[in-house]
C-alpha atoms as a PDB file:
ATOM      1  CA  MET A   1      -0.142   0.067  -0.201  1.00  0.00           C
ATOM      2  CA  ASN A   2       1.322   3.647  -0.730  1.00  0.00           C
ATOM      3  CA  VAL A   3       0.900   6.069   1.492  1.00  0.00           C
ATOM      4  CA  VAL A   4       1.053   9.428   0.105  1.00  0.00           C
ATOM      5  CA  ARG A   5       2.481  12.570   2.175  1.00  0.00           C
ATOM      6  CA  ARG A   6       0.660  15.776   2.408  1.00  0.00           C
ATOM      7  CA  ARG A   7       2.465  18.520   1.360  1.00  0.00           C
ATOM      8  CA  LEU A   8       2.995  21.103   4.493  1.00  0.00           C
ATOM      9  CA  THR A   9       3.191  24.558   3.997  1.00  0.00           C
ATOM     10  CA  PRO A  10       6.092  26.457   4.698  1.00  0.00           C
ATOM     11  CA  GLY A  11       5.013  27.421   8.105  1.00  0.00           C
ATOM     12  CA  GLU A  12       4.060  23.947   8.773  1.00  0.00           C
ATOM     13  CA  SER A  13       7.106  22.521   7.292  1.00  0.00           C
ATOM     14  CA  ARG A  14       9.132  25.065   9.759  1.00  0.00           C
ATOM     15  CA  LEU A  15       7.114  24.201  12.801  1.00  0.00           C
ATOM     16  CA  ALA A  16       7.275  20.646  12.480  1.00  0.00           C
ATOM     17  CA  ALA A  17      11.129  21.391  12.014  1.00  0.00           C
ATOM     18  CA  LEU A  18      11.050  23.524  15.174  1.00  0.00           C
ATOM     19  CA  GLU A  19       9.292  20.819  17.094  1.00  0.00           C
ATOM     20  CA  ALA A  20      11.378  18.357  15.823  1.00  0.00           C
ATOM     21  CA  ALA A  21      14.420  20.227  16.884  1.00  0.00           C
ATOM     22  CA  ARG A  22      12.855  20.854  20.448  1.00  0.00           C
ATOM     23  CA  VAL A  23      12.417  16.817  20.987  1.00  0.00           C
ATOM     24  CA  LEU A  24      16.097  16.294  19.675  1.00  0.00           C
ATOM     25  CA  LEU A  25      17.116  19.025  22.060  1.00  0.00           C
ATOM     26  CA  ILE A  26      15.429  17.357  25.362  1.00  0.00           C
ATOM     27  CA  GLU A  27      16.935  13.964  24.130  1.00  0.00           C
ATOM     28  CA  ALA A  28      20.237  14.241  23.364  1.00  0.00           C
ATOM     29  CA  GLY A  29      21.290  17.893  24.005  1.00  0.00           C
ATOM     30  CA  PRO A  30      22.228  21.019  22.003  1.00  0.00           C
ATOM     31  CA  GLN A  31      24.987  19.883  19.947  1.00  0.00           C
ATOM     32  CA  ALA A  32      22.355  16.668  18.579  1.00  0.00           C
ATOM     33  CA  VAL A  33      20.439  19.711  17.116  1.00  0.00           C
ATOM     34  CA  THR A  34      21.738  19.781  13.515  1.00  0.00           C
ATOM     35  CA  LEU A  35      19.763  20.304  10.171  1.00  0.00           C
ATOM     36  CA  LYS A  36      20.526  16.694   9.085  1.00  0.00           C
ATOM     37  CA  ALA A  37      19.482  15.392  12.386  1.00  0.00           C
ATOM     38  CA  VAL A  38      16.492  17.723  12.148  1.00  0.00           C
ATOM     39  CA  ALA A  39      15.748  17.098   8.584  1.00  0.00           C
ATOM     40  CA  GLY A  40      15.883  12.955   9.242  1.00  0.00           C
ATOM     41  CA  ARG A  41      13.161  13.395  12.168  1.00  0.00           C
ATOM     42  CA  ILE A  42      10.798  14.929   9.766  1.00  0.00           C
ATOM     43  CA  ALA A  43      11.678  13.394   6.751  1.00  0.00           C
ATOM     44  CA  ARG A  44      13.121  16.587   4.798  1.00  0.00           C
ATOM     45  CA  THR A  45      16.064  17.397   3.032  1.00  0.00           C
ATOM     46  CA  HIS A  46      18.631  18.971   4.205  1.00  0.00           C
ATOM     47  CA  ALA A  47      18.390  21.657   1.755  1.00  0.00           C
ATOM     48  CA  ASN A  48      14.871  22.052   2.629  1.00  0.00           C
ATOM     49  CA  LEU A  49      15.906  22.920   6.112  1.00  0.00           C
ATOM     50  CA  LEU A  50      18.678  25.155   4.665  1.00  0.00           C
ATOM     51  CA  HIS A  51      15.904  27.224   2.789  1.00  0.00           C
ATOM     52  CA  HIS A  52      13.905  27.694   5.919  1.00  0.00           C
ATOM     53  CA  PHE A  53      16.937  28.504   8.573  1.00  0.00           C
ATOM     54  CA  GLY A  54      19.843  29.281   6.498  1.00  0.00           C
ATOM     55  CA  SER A  55      22.169  27.471   8.810  1.00  0.00           C
ATOM     56  CA  ALA A  56      22.557  25.596  11.745  1.00  0.00           C
ATOM     57  CA  ALA A  57      22.696  28.877  13.741  1.00  0.00           C
ATOM     58  CA  GLY A  58      19.812  30.232  12.277  1.00  0.00           C
ATOM     59  CA  LEU A  59      18.032  27.031  13.336  1.00  0.00           C
ATOM     60  CA  GLN A  60      19.254  27.461  17.213  1.00  0.00           C
ATOM     61  CA  ARG A  61      18.069  30.842  17.022  1.00  0.00           C
ATOM     62  CA  ASP A  62      14.873  29.974  15.930  1.00  0.00           C
ATOM     63  CA  LEU A  63      14.347  27.288  18.223  1.00  0.00           C
ATOM     64  CA  ALA A  64      15.197  29.533  21.343  1.00  0.00           C
ATOM     65  CA  ALA A  65      12.561  31.876  19.980  1.00  0.00           C
ATOM     66  CA  HIS A  66      10.122  28.970  19.747  1.00  0.00           C
ATOM     67  CA  LEU A  67      10.835  27.884  22.961  1.00  0.00           C
ATOM     68  CA  ALA A  68      11.001  31.316  24.510  1.00  0.00           C
ATOM     69  CA  GLN A  69       7.643  32.143  23.376  1.00  0.00           C
ATOM     70  CA  THR A  70       5.858  28.610  24.250  1.00  0.00           C
ATOM     71  CA  VAL A  71       7.610  29.195  27.778  1.00  0.00           C
ATOM     72  CA  CYS A  72       6.935  32.623  28.416  1.00  0.00           C
ATOM     73  CA  ALA A  73       3.063  32.253  26.992  1.00  0.00           C
ATOM     74  CA  THR A  74       2.597  29.345  29.659  1.00  0.00           C
ATOM     75  CA  ILE A  75       4.271  31.579  32.675  1.00  0.00           C
ATOM     76  CA  ALA A  76       2.228  34.529  31.774  1.00  0.00           C
ATOM     77  CA  GLU A  77      -0.750  32.085  32.174  1.00  0.00           C
ATOM     78  CA  ALA A  78       0.366  30.942  35.494  1.00  0.00           C
ATOM     79  CA  VAL A  79       1.144  34.601  36.785  1.00  0.00           C
ATOM     80  CA  ARG A  80      -2.302  35.526  35.806  1.00  0.00           C
ATOM     81  CA  ALA A  81      -3.899  32.777  37.684  1.00  0.00           C
ATOM     82  CA  SER A  82      -1.784  33.370  40.578  1.00  0.00           C
ATOM     83  CA  ARG A  83      -2.898  36.770  40.654  1.00  0.00           C
ATOM     84  CA  ALA A  84      -6.693  35.678  40.401  1.00  0.00           C
ATOM     85  CA  GLY A  85      -6.224  33.533  43.331  1.00  0.00           C
ATOM     86  CA  LEU A  86      -6.376  30.663  40.931  1.00  0.00           C
ATOM     87  CA  GLY A  87      -2.499  29.649  41.298  1.00  0.00           C
ATOM     88  CA  SER A  88       0.639  29.962  43.348  1.00  0.00           C
ATOM     89  CA  PRO A  89       3.969  31.333  42.928  1.00  0.00           C
ATOM     90  CA  ARG A  90       5.332  27.999  43.230  1.00  0.00           C
ATOM     91  CA  GLU A  91       3.559  26.942  39.908  1.00  0.00           C
ATOM     92  CA  VAL A  92       5.163  30.212  38.322  1.00  0.00           C
ATOM     93  CA  VAL A  93       8.597  28.823  39.548  1.00  0.00           C
ATOM     94  CA  ASP A  94       8.284  25.069  38.642  1.00  0.00           C
ATOM     95  CA  LEU A  95       7.415  26.608  35.012  1.00  0.00           C
ATOM     96  CA  ALA A  96      10.275  28.718  34.743  1.00  0.00           C
ATOM     97  CA  PHE A  97      12.700  26.125  36.478  1.00  0.00           C
ATOM     98  CA  ASP A  98      11.301  23.339  34.148  1.00  0.00           C
ATOM     99  CA  ALA A  99      11.341  25.458  30.827  1.00  0.00           C
ATOM    100  CA  PHE A 100      15.286  25.419  31.594  1.00  0.00           C
ATOM    101  CA  ASP A 101      15.920  22.002  32.681  1.00  0.00           C
ATOM    102  CA  ARG A 102      13.198  19.699  31.239  1.00  0.00           C
ATOM    103  CA  GLU A 103      12.436  21.637  28.271  1.00  0.00           C
ATOM    104  CA  GLY A 104      16.055  22.411  27.638  1.00  0.00           C
ATOM    105  CA  ALA A 105      16.408  25.995  27.221  1.00  0.00           C
ATOM    106  CA  GLY A 106      19.107  25.952  29.791  1.00  0.00           C
ATOM    107  CA  ALA A 107      21.510  23.735  27.818  1.00  0.00           C
ATOM    108  CA  LEU A 108      21.029  25.543  24.607  1.00  0.00           C
ATOM    109  CA  ALA A 109      21.397  28.879  26.101  1.00  0.00           C
ATOM    110  CA  SER A 110      24.961  27.455  27.343  1.00  0.00           C
ATOM    111  CA  TRP A 111      25.623  25.969  24.350  1.00  0.00           C
ATOM    112  CA  MET A 112      25.064  28.914  22.015  1.00  0.00           C
ATOM    113  CA  ILE A 113      27.053  31.114  24.338  1.00  0.00           C
ATOM    114  CA  LEU A 114      29.975  28.304  24.642  1.00  0.00           C
ATOM    115  CA  THR A 115      29.895  28.397  20.248  1.00  0.00           C
ATOM    116  CA  GLY A 116      29.899  32.000  20.034  1.00  0.00           C
ATOM    117  CA  ASN A 117      26.200  32.387  18.974  1.00  0.00           C
ATOM    118  CA  GLU A 118      25.270  34.485  21.585  1.00  0.00           C
ATOM    119  CA  ASP A 119      22.832  36.466  19.110  1.00  0.00           C
ATOM    120  CA  ALA A 120      20.458  33.203  19.073  1.00  0.00           C
ATOM    121  CA  LEU A 121      19.742  34.426  22.471  1.00  0.00           C
ATOM    122  CA  THR A 122      17.920  37.697  21.841  1.00  0.00           C
ATOM    123  CA  PRO A 123      14.723  36.064  20.667  1.00  0.00           C
ATOM    124  CA  ILE A 124      14.519  34.957  24.875  1.00  0.00           C
ATOM    125  CA  VAL A 125      15.703  37.909  26.257  1.00  0.00           C
ATOM    126  CA  GLU A 126      13.552  40.314  24.062  1.00  0.00           C
ATOM    127  CA  THR A 127      10.461  37.710  24.577  1.00  0.00           C
ATOM    128  CA  ILE A 128      11.023  37.477  28.214  1.00  0.00           C
ATOM    129  CA  HIS A 129      11.393  41.313  28.272  1.00  0.00           C
ATOM    130  CA  ARG A 130       8.097  41.698  26.556  1.00  0.00           C
ATOM    131  CA  LEU A 131       6.124  39.164  29.358  1.00  0.00           C
ATOM    132  CA  VAL A 132       7.751  41.089  32.265  1.00  0.00           C
ATOM    133  CA  ASP A 133       6.693  44.437  30.615  1.00  0.00           C
ATOM    134  CA  GLU A 134       3.111  43.338  30.297  1.00  0.00           C
ATOM    135  CA  ILE A 135       2.761  42.068  34.030  1.00  0.00           C
ATOM    136  CA  ALA A 136       4.879  45.082  35.114  1.00  0.00           C
ATOM    137  CA  ALA A 137       2.405  47.085  33.452  1.00  0.00           C
ATOM    138  CA  ASP A 138      -0.373  45.524  35.714  1.00  0.00           C
ATOM    139  CA  GLU A 139       1.805  46.564  38.477  1.00  0.00           C
ATOM    140  CA  ALA A 140       1.466  49.986  38.231  1.00  0.00           C
ATOM    141  CA  ASN A 141      -0.627  50.181  41.439  1.00  0.00           C
ATOM    142  CA  HIS A 142       1.538  48.246  43.458  1.00  0.00           C
ATOM    143  CA  ARG A 143       5.348  49.328  45.079  1.00  0.00           C
ATOM    144  CA  GLY A 144       6.522  49.566  41.337  1.00  0.00           C
ATOM    145  CA  GLY A 145       6.675  47.969  38.297  1.00  0.00           C
ATOM    146  CA  MET A 146      10.531  47.330  38.803  1.00  0.00           C
ATOM    147  CA  ALA A 147       9.974  44.819  41.429  1.00  0.00           C
ATOM    148  CA  VAL A 148       8.631  42.916  38.474  1.00  0.00           C
ATOM    149  CA  HIS A 149      11.851  43.241  36.495  1.00  0.00           C
ATOM    150  CA  GLU A 150      13.949  42.046  39.204  1.00  0.00           C
ATOM    151  CA  ASP A 151      12.176  39.146  40.545  1.00  0.00           C
ATOM    152  CA  THR A 152      12.258  37.972  36.934  1.00  0.00           C
ATOM    153  CA  LEU A 153      16.121  38.607  36.638  1.00  0.00           C
ATOM    154  CA  ALA A 154      16.728  36.556  39.629  1.00  0.00           C
ATOM    155  CA  LEU A 155      14.141  34.169  38.624  1.00  0.00           C
ATOM    156  CA  VAL A 156      15.668  33.346  35.335  1.00  0.00           C
ATOM    157  CA  LEU A 157      19.214  33.546  36.575  1.00  0.00           C
ATOM    158  CA  MET A 158      18.046  30.524  39.388  1.00  0.00           C
ATOM    159  CA  ALA A 159      16.290  28.545  36.693  1.00  0.00           C
ATOM    160  CA  MET A 160      19.092  28.430  34.306  1.00  0.00           C
ATOM    161  CA  GLY A 161      21.644  28.043  36.938  1.00  0.00           C
ATOM    162  CA  ASP A 162      19.722  24.979  38.551  1.00  0.00           C
ATOM    163  CA  ALA A 163      19.416  23.562  35.034  1.00  0.00           C
ATOM    164  CA  LEU A 164      23.260  23.618  34.640  1.00  0.00           C
ATOM    165  CA  ILE A 165      24.822  22.988  38.060  1.00  0.00           C
ATOM    166  CA  GLY A 166      21.822  23.075  40.413  1.00  0.00           C
ATOM    167  CA  LYS A 167      21.337  19.057  41.730  1.00  0.00           C
ATOM    168  CA  VAL A 168      24.766  18.481  42.172  1.00  0.00           C
ATOM    169  CA  LEU A 169      25.726  21.597  43.819  1.00  0.00           C
ATOM    170  CA  ALA A 170      22.549  21.368  45.944  1.00  0.00           C
ATOM    171  CA  ARG A 171      23.343  17.573  47.000  1.00  0.00           C
ATOM    172  CA  SER A 172      27.171  18.777  47.467  1.00  0.00           C
ATOM    173  CA  LEU A 173      25.649  21.482  50.028  1.00  0.00           C
ATOM    174  CA  GLY A 174      23.484  19.002  51.907  1.00  0.00           C
ATOM    175  CA  LEU A 175      20.277  20.620  50.767  1.00  0.00           C
ATOM    176  CA  SER A 176      17.404  18.909  48.540  1.00  0.00           C
ATOM    177  CA  ASP A 177      17.056  18.672  44.912  1.00  0.00           C
ATOM    178  CA  THR A 178      14.664  21.766  45.204  1.00  0.00           C
ATOM    179  CA  ALA A 179      16.503  23.825  47.052  1.00  0.00           C
ATOM    180  CA  ALA A 180      17.018  26.307  44.357  1.00  0.00           C
ATOM    181  CA  ARG A 181      13.222  26.350  43.159  1.00  0.00           C
ATOM    182  CA  ASP A 182      12.459  26.754  47.470  1.00  0.00           C
ATOM    183  CA  ARG A 183      14.415  29.794  47.644  1.00  0.00           C
ATOM    184  CA  ALA A 184      12.649  31.190  44.038  1.00  0.00           C
ATOM    185  CA  GLN A 185       9.539  30.474  45.625  1.00  0.00           C
ATOM    186  CA  ALA A 186      10.217  32.023  49.051  1.00  0.00           C
ATOM    187  CA  MET A 187      11.605  35.311  47.268  1.00  0.00           C
ATOM    188  CA  LEU A 188       8.396  35.701  45.168  1.00  0.00           C
ATOM    189  CA  GLU A 189       6.380  35.479  48.085  1.00  0.00           C
ATOM    190  CA  LEU A 190       8.176  37.759  49.958  1.00  0.00           C
ATOM    191  CA  SER A 191       7.959  40.121  46.703  1.00  0.00           C
ATOM    192  CA  LEU A 192       4.038  39.368  46.377  1.00  0.00           C
ATOM    193  CA  SER A 193       3.700  40.011  50.170  1.00  0.00           C
ATOM    194  CA  ARG A 194       5.757  43.474  49.790  1.00  0.00           C
ATOM    195  CA  SER A 195       2.906  44.799  47.205  1.00  0.00           C
ATOM    196  CA  VAL A 196       0.448  47.147  48.470  1.00  0.00           C
ATOM    197  CA  VAL A 197      -2.000  49.029  46.249  1.00  0.00           C
ATOM    198  CA  VAL A 198      -1.062  52.750  46.838  1.00  0.00           C
END
């Protein structure tokens, strides 16, 4: 029986490649995210992916943007739920830490820095910045939107560090594997308790 493969639109082909790259990142690390490996996963040619991304660095940059958009959208929903009393600071912390750990954003960011592809981090930084500005706008009546910027900086740095060395460092210090998450949660709870409507 012949299987007819449906022709994908350029947008669908690009999204399929980004999802395949994300899975490769999680399964085997950033060094596995090559045009050839992604092409093999989605039954496309290397040339097809070159057309969409231009290079392996372009694929990594676009993967970073894709991860940032997906993760920030999820975190934004968690923040809104937390503010509405339907969620908790811990849920926001877990989403941020999982993005850098289980979703591979920490490994990808480190890989890009180590290979001299720092410009590929721009989409992550810009997406986080947009999210923080959106949240900070909601804080206009509170103690100041800059607190949200400071909390985000600390949370992202903690999540990135935890993804790279957190568990090993925590164990060597005799702390639980969740010590960094617990600290981030306490930081957010303290920050929220200081927010007072003026």
